[in-house]
Structures are given as structure tokens and as C-alpha cells.
Amino acid sequence: MRSILLRILGTALLMILGGGGLFSATSPLVFAQEAGASAREAQADADDDEKARFAAFTRALTNVKLAGRFTFSADDKEPIRDEYTISSVVKVGAADLWIVSARIRYGTVDLTVPVPVEVKWAGKTPVITLDDVTIPGLGTFSSRVVIDGSLYAGTWQHDAVGGHMFGKIVPITEEHREQVPVAK
């Protein structure tokens, strides 16, 4: 019984693919061409989605302040106020690399530096990723920061110290724009 079913299925498949029967106008070559066209359309849609995602990320992090708080993972103290000014983000090459021009202020340090980061995507949500990036005169940094609309949250590591960070992304208007020193 089983071999009869296999023969019937095999014959039907040959008729469909081999040019006999109801679908004789459709050859394997046509199926392959249609599959190739579908793949090209899917790639074009993916490229359009990627361009839209990149454009939205660039808009979200151009001329903004990340105004929030950070903690130290080694203690239970209250979060400390924190602020970063980002003037621009620029995609570099075909990989996940971006350059974030950020003003860093803490203690006696006040400078704007281009920081190379990777941006990974969790669906349409960008995750800024820093892995042991040394910024001359400041130290070595690692972080994972999720950008979710007008909010951000993540973890940070500066040399041997680390913790959490979170807050709001606030646009900088022309009348509120500070003179940002240029890193030398």
C-alpha cells in the first residue's frame, strides 16, 4: 500500500514539475526565477527597513542630551545625576560601527570626543555597545545602552568601576545650545 502511494505522489510530482498535466506551463526554471524575484523583493524590503531604522536612530541621537542618573554596582547609594550631550551619530561603513560625538563632563574633565560604538539591533530597538574602548586621558569603557523612544537605560563600566544608567533623551533647541568645546 505504501509503495503505491509513493508511486502516485512521485508521478504527480513529475507531472507538475516535468511538464505534464495541469501545470505544464510552469517549469522548474520559472519556479527558480519566481523564488529569486521574491528573494530580491525581500532584500529590498529589508534594505528599506534598515535605512529607515538608521535614519530614525540618527534623528533620535543628534543634538540631544542624555539626562538621567547612574549607580555604582558596588554600593547601595542613591543614583547620581548624570548628563551627556550628543551632537551627532554617524554610520561608518557596512558593519555595525557608528561614531558618536559626545561631550563628556565629570570632575575637571570637559571635552567632546568621537566615540566609536557598535549599534546592535533588538528588532527595531538600537542597543549602543562599547567593548573595552580606551579614550585617551579618560580610561577604558564598556557599556550596553538600550534606546527606547525618548528613554535610555543600560550598564556601564569605566576601568574597574561600573553600574547602571538610565534617563531621558532630551532634544537641544537652538536657544538652549551650549558652546561645546572641541576635543584636541
Protein backbone atom coordinates (compact mmCIF):
# COMPACT_ATOMS: atom_id res chain seq x y z
CA MET A 1 0.00 0.00 0.00
CA ARG A 2 2.81 2.36 0.95
CA SER A 3 4.72 1.84 -2.32
CA ILE A 4 1.57 2.56 -4.33
CA LEU A 5 1.13 5.91 -2.51
CA LEU A 6 4.77 6.76 -3.14
CA ARG A 7 4.40 5.95 -6.87
CA ILE A 8 1.25 8.09 -7.12
CA LEU A 9 2.94 11.00 -5.34
CA GLY A 10 6.06 10.60 -7.47
CA THR A 11 4.02 10.55 -10.68
CA ALA A 12 2.05 13.62 -9.61
CA LEU A 13 5.28 15.45 -8.76
CA LEU A 14 6.78 14.54 -12.14
CA MET A 15 3.65 15.78 -13.88
CA ILE A 16 3.76 19.08 -12.04
CA LEU A 17 7.49 19.71 -12.38
CA GLY A 18 8.16 17.79 -15.58
CA GLY A 19 5.74 19.45 -17.88
CA GLY A 20 2.76 17.06 -17.97
CA GLY A 21 -0.68 17.63 -16.52
CA LEU A 22 -2.38 20.80 -15.32
CA PHE A 23 0.78 22.80 -14.57
CA SER A 24 2.69 22.04 -17.74
CA ALA A 25 3.38 25.74 -18.47
CA THR A 26 5.29 26.05 -15.18
CA SER A 27 8.78 24.64 -15.38
CA PRO A 28 11.36 24.36 -12.61
CA LEU A 29 13.16 27.32 -14.23
CA VAL A 30 10.06 29.51 -13.74
CA PHE A 31 9.83 28.40 -10.10
CA ALA A 32 13.50 29.32 -9.60
CA GLN A 33 13.04 32.71 -11.28
CA GLU A 34 9.99 33.46 -9.11
CA ALA A 35 11.89 32.43 -5.98
CA GLY A 36 14.80 34.66 -7.00
CA ALA A 37 12.46 37.59 -7.58
CA SER A 38 10.84 37.02 -4.19
CA ALA A 39 14.28 36.94 -2.53
CA ARG A 40 15.27 40.21 -4.26
CA GLU A 41 12.00 41.85 -3.15
CA ALA A 42 12.55 40.64 0.42
CA GLN A 43 16.12 42.02 0.37
CA ALA A 44 14.88 45.37 -0.96
CA ASP A 45 12.29 45.50 1.84
CA ALA A 46 15.00 44.65 4.40
CA ASP A 47 17.26 47.38 2.96
CA ASP A 48 14.40 49.89 3.18
CA ASP A 49 13.72 48.83 6.80
CA GLU A 50 17.40 49.19 7.64
CA LYS A 51 17.60 52.66 6.06
CA ALA A 52 14.50 53.75 7.98
CA ARG A 53 15.91 52.30 11.23
CA PHE A 54 19.27 54.05 10.71
CA ALA A 55 17.59 57.37 9.85
CA ALA A 56 15.37 57.19 12.96
CA PHE A 57 18.41 56.38 15.15
CA THR A 58 20.37 59.29 13.67
CA ARG A 59 17.47 61.70 14.28
CA ALA A 60 16.96 60.40 17.83
CA LEU A 61 20.61 60.98 18.82
CA THR A 62 21.50 64.21 17.04
CA ASN A 63 21.69 67.39 19.14
CA VAL A 64 20.35 65.76 22.30
CA LYS A 65 21.21 65.36 25.96
CA LEU A 66 21.01 62.09 27.79
CA ALA A 67 19.81 63.44 31.13
CA GLY A 68 19.43 60.90 33.86
CA ARG A 69 21.12 59.08 36.68
CA PHE A 70 23.74 56.43 37.24
CA THR A 71 24.57 54.00 40.03
CA PHE A 72 27.65 52.18 41.25
CA SER A 73 27.16 48.43 41.39
CA ALA A 74 29.45 48.18 44.45
CA ASP A 75 27.14 50.13 46.79
CA ASP A 76 23.50 50.83 47.61
CA LYS A 77 23.69 54.63 47.42
CA GLU A 78 21.05 56.70 45.69
CA PRO A 79 21.53 57.24 41.92
CA ILE A 80 23.68 60.23 40.95
CA ARG A 81 22.60 62.84 38.39
CA ASP A 82 24.37 62.43 35.05
CA GLU A 83 24.28 64.16 31.65
CA TYR A 84 25.85 63.57 28.25
CA THR A 85 25.49 65.89 25.27
CA ILE A 86 25.50 64.17 21.89
CA SER A 87 25.93 66.41 18.87
CA SER A 88 25.81 63.68 16.24
CA VAL A 89 25.90 59.99 15.36
CA VAL A 90 27.29 58.87 12.02
CA LYS A 91 27.23 55.38 10.47
CA VAL A 92 30.68 54.21 9.34
CA GLY A 93 31.00 51.51 6.69
CA ALA A 94 28.92 48.39 6.23
CA ALA A 95 29.40 46.86 9.71
CA ASP A 96 27.69 47.92 12.95
CA LEU A 97 30.18 50.74 13.59
CA TRP A 98 28.97 54.27 14.39
CA ILE A 99 30.79 57.36 15.62
CA VAL A 100 29.06 59.22 18.46
CA SER A 101 30.32 62.77 19.06
CA ALA A 102 29.71 63.16 22.78
CA ARG A 103 30.56 65.81 25.32
CA ILE A 104 31.89 64.19 28.45
CA ARG A 105 31.90 66.17 31.68
CA TYR A 106 32.92 64.91 35.09
CA GLY A 107 35.29 66.31 37.67
CA THR A 108 37.70 68.61 35.85
CA VAL A 109 37.11 66.87 32.50
CA ASP A 110 35.00 68.71 29.92
CA LEU A 111 35.59 67.70 26.32
CA THR A 112 33.88 66.45 23.20
CA VAL A 113 35.23 63.24 21.73
CA PRO A 114 34.31 60.97 18.83
CA VAL A 115 33.48 57.63 20.43
CA PRO A 116 33.42 54.52 18.20
CA VAL A 117 30.49 52.29 19.18
CA GLU A 118 28.72 49.31 17.74
CA VAL A 119 24.97 49.53 17.39
CA LYS A 120 23.24 46.18 17.62
CA TRP A 121 19.52 45.84 16.98
CA ALA A 122 16.95 44.01 19.06
CA GLY A 123 14.28 44.10 16.37
CA LYS A 124 13.85 47.83 15.77
CA THR A 125 15.41 48.82 19.10
CA PRO A 126 19.02 50.06 19.00
CA VAL A 127 21.50 48.90 21.63
CA ILE A 128 24.66 51.00 21.80
CA THR A 129 27.55 48.67 22.58
CA LEU A 130 31.01 49.60 23.78
CA ASP A 131 33.59 46.88 24.43
CA ASP A 132 36.78 47.95 26.21
CA VAL A 133 37.18 51.20 24.26
CA THR A 134 40.04 53.35 25.54
CA ILE A 135 39.51 57.10 25.37
CA PRO A 136 42.91 58.79 25.78
CA GLY A 137 43.20 60.58 29.10
CA LEU A 138 39.89 59.16 30.38
CA GLY A 139 40.30 55.40 30.66
CA THR A 140 38.72 52.27 29.25
CA PHE A 141 34.95 51.97 28.88
CA SER A 142 32.37 49.27 28.21
CA SER A 143 28.60 49.66 28.13
CA ARG A 144 25.29 48.44 26.79
CA VAL A 145 22.66 51.16 26.41
CA VAL A 146 19.17 50.50 25.05
CA ILE A 147 17.49 53.42 23.28
CA ASP A 148 13.71 53.16 23.59
CA GLY A 149 11.93 56.19 22.19
CA SER A 150 12.82 59.13 24.44
CA LEU A 151 14.30 56.89 27.15
CA TYR A 152 17.61 55.13 27.64
CA ALA A 153 18.83 52.51 30.11
CA GLY A 154 21.83 50.29 30.42
CA THR A 155 25.00 49.26 32.13
CA TRP A 156 28.41 50.93 32.18
CA GLN A 157 31.96 50.04 33.11
CA HIS A 158 34.84 52.55 33.50
CA ASP A 159 38.06 50.72 34.23
CA ALA A 160 37.32 48.74 37.45
CA VAL A 161 34.11 50.61 38.39
CA GLY A 162 30.65 50.07 36.91
CA GLY A 163 26.93 50.23 37.43
CA HIS A 164 23.61 51.15 35.82
CA MET A 165 22.50 54.24 33.92
CA PHE A 166 19.05 55.44 32.87
CA GLY A 167 17.19 58.59 31.91
CA LYS A 168 15.55 60.66 29.19
CA ILE A 169 16.76 61.75 25.77
CA VAL A 170 16.09 65.48 25.54
CA PRO A 171 16.42 67.47 22.28
CA ILE A 172 18.67 70.53 22.43
CA THR A 173 16.95 73.53 20.89
CA GLU A 174 18.93 76.31 19.21
CA GLU A 175 18.26 78.78 22.03
CA HIS A 176 19.46 76.24 24.63
CA ARG A 177 22.52 75.05 22.74
CA GLU A 178 25.76 75.49 24.69
CA GLN A 179 29.10 76.22 23.18
CA VAL A 180 30.64 72.76 23.13
CA PRO A 181 34.45 72.73 23.31
CA VAL A 182 36.19 70.77 20.56
CA ALA A 183 38.48 67.93 21.61
CA LYS A 184 42.10 68.45 20.61
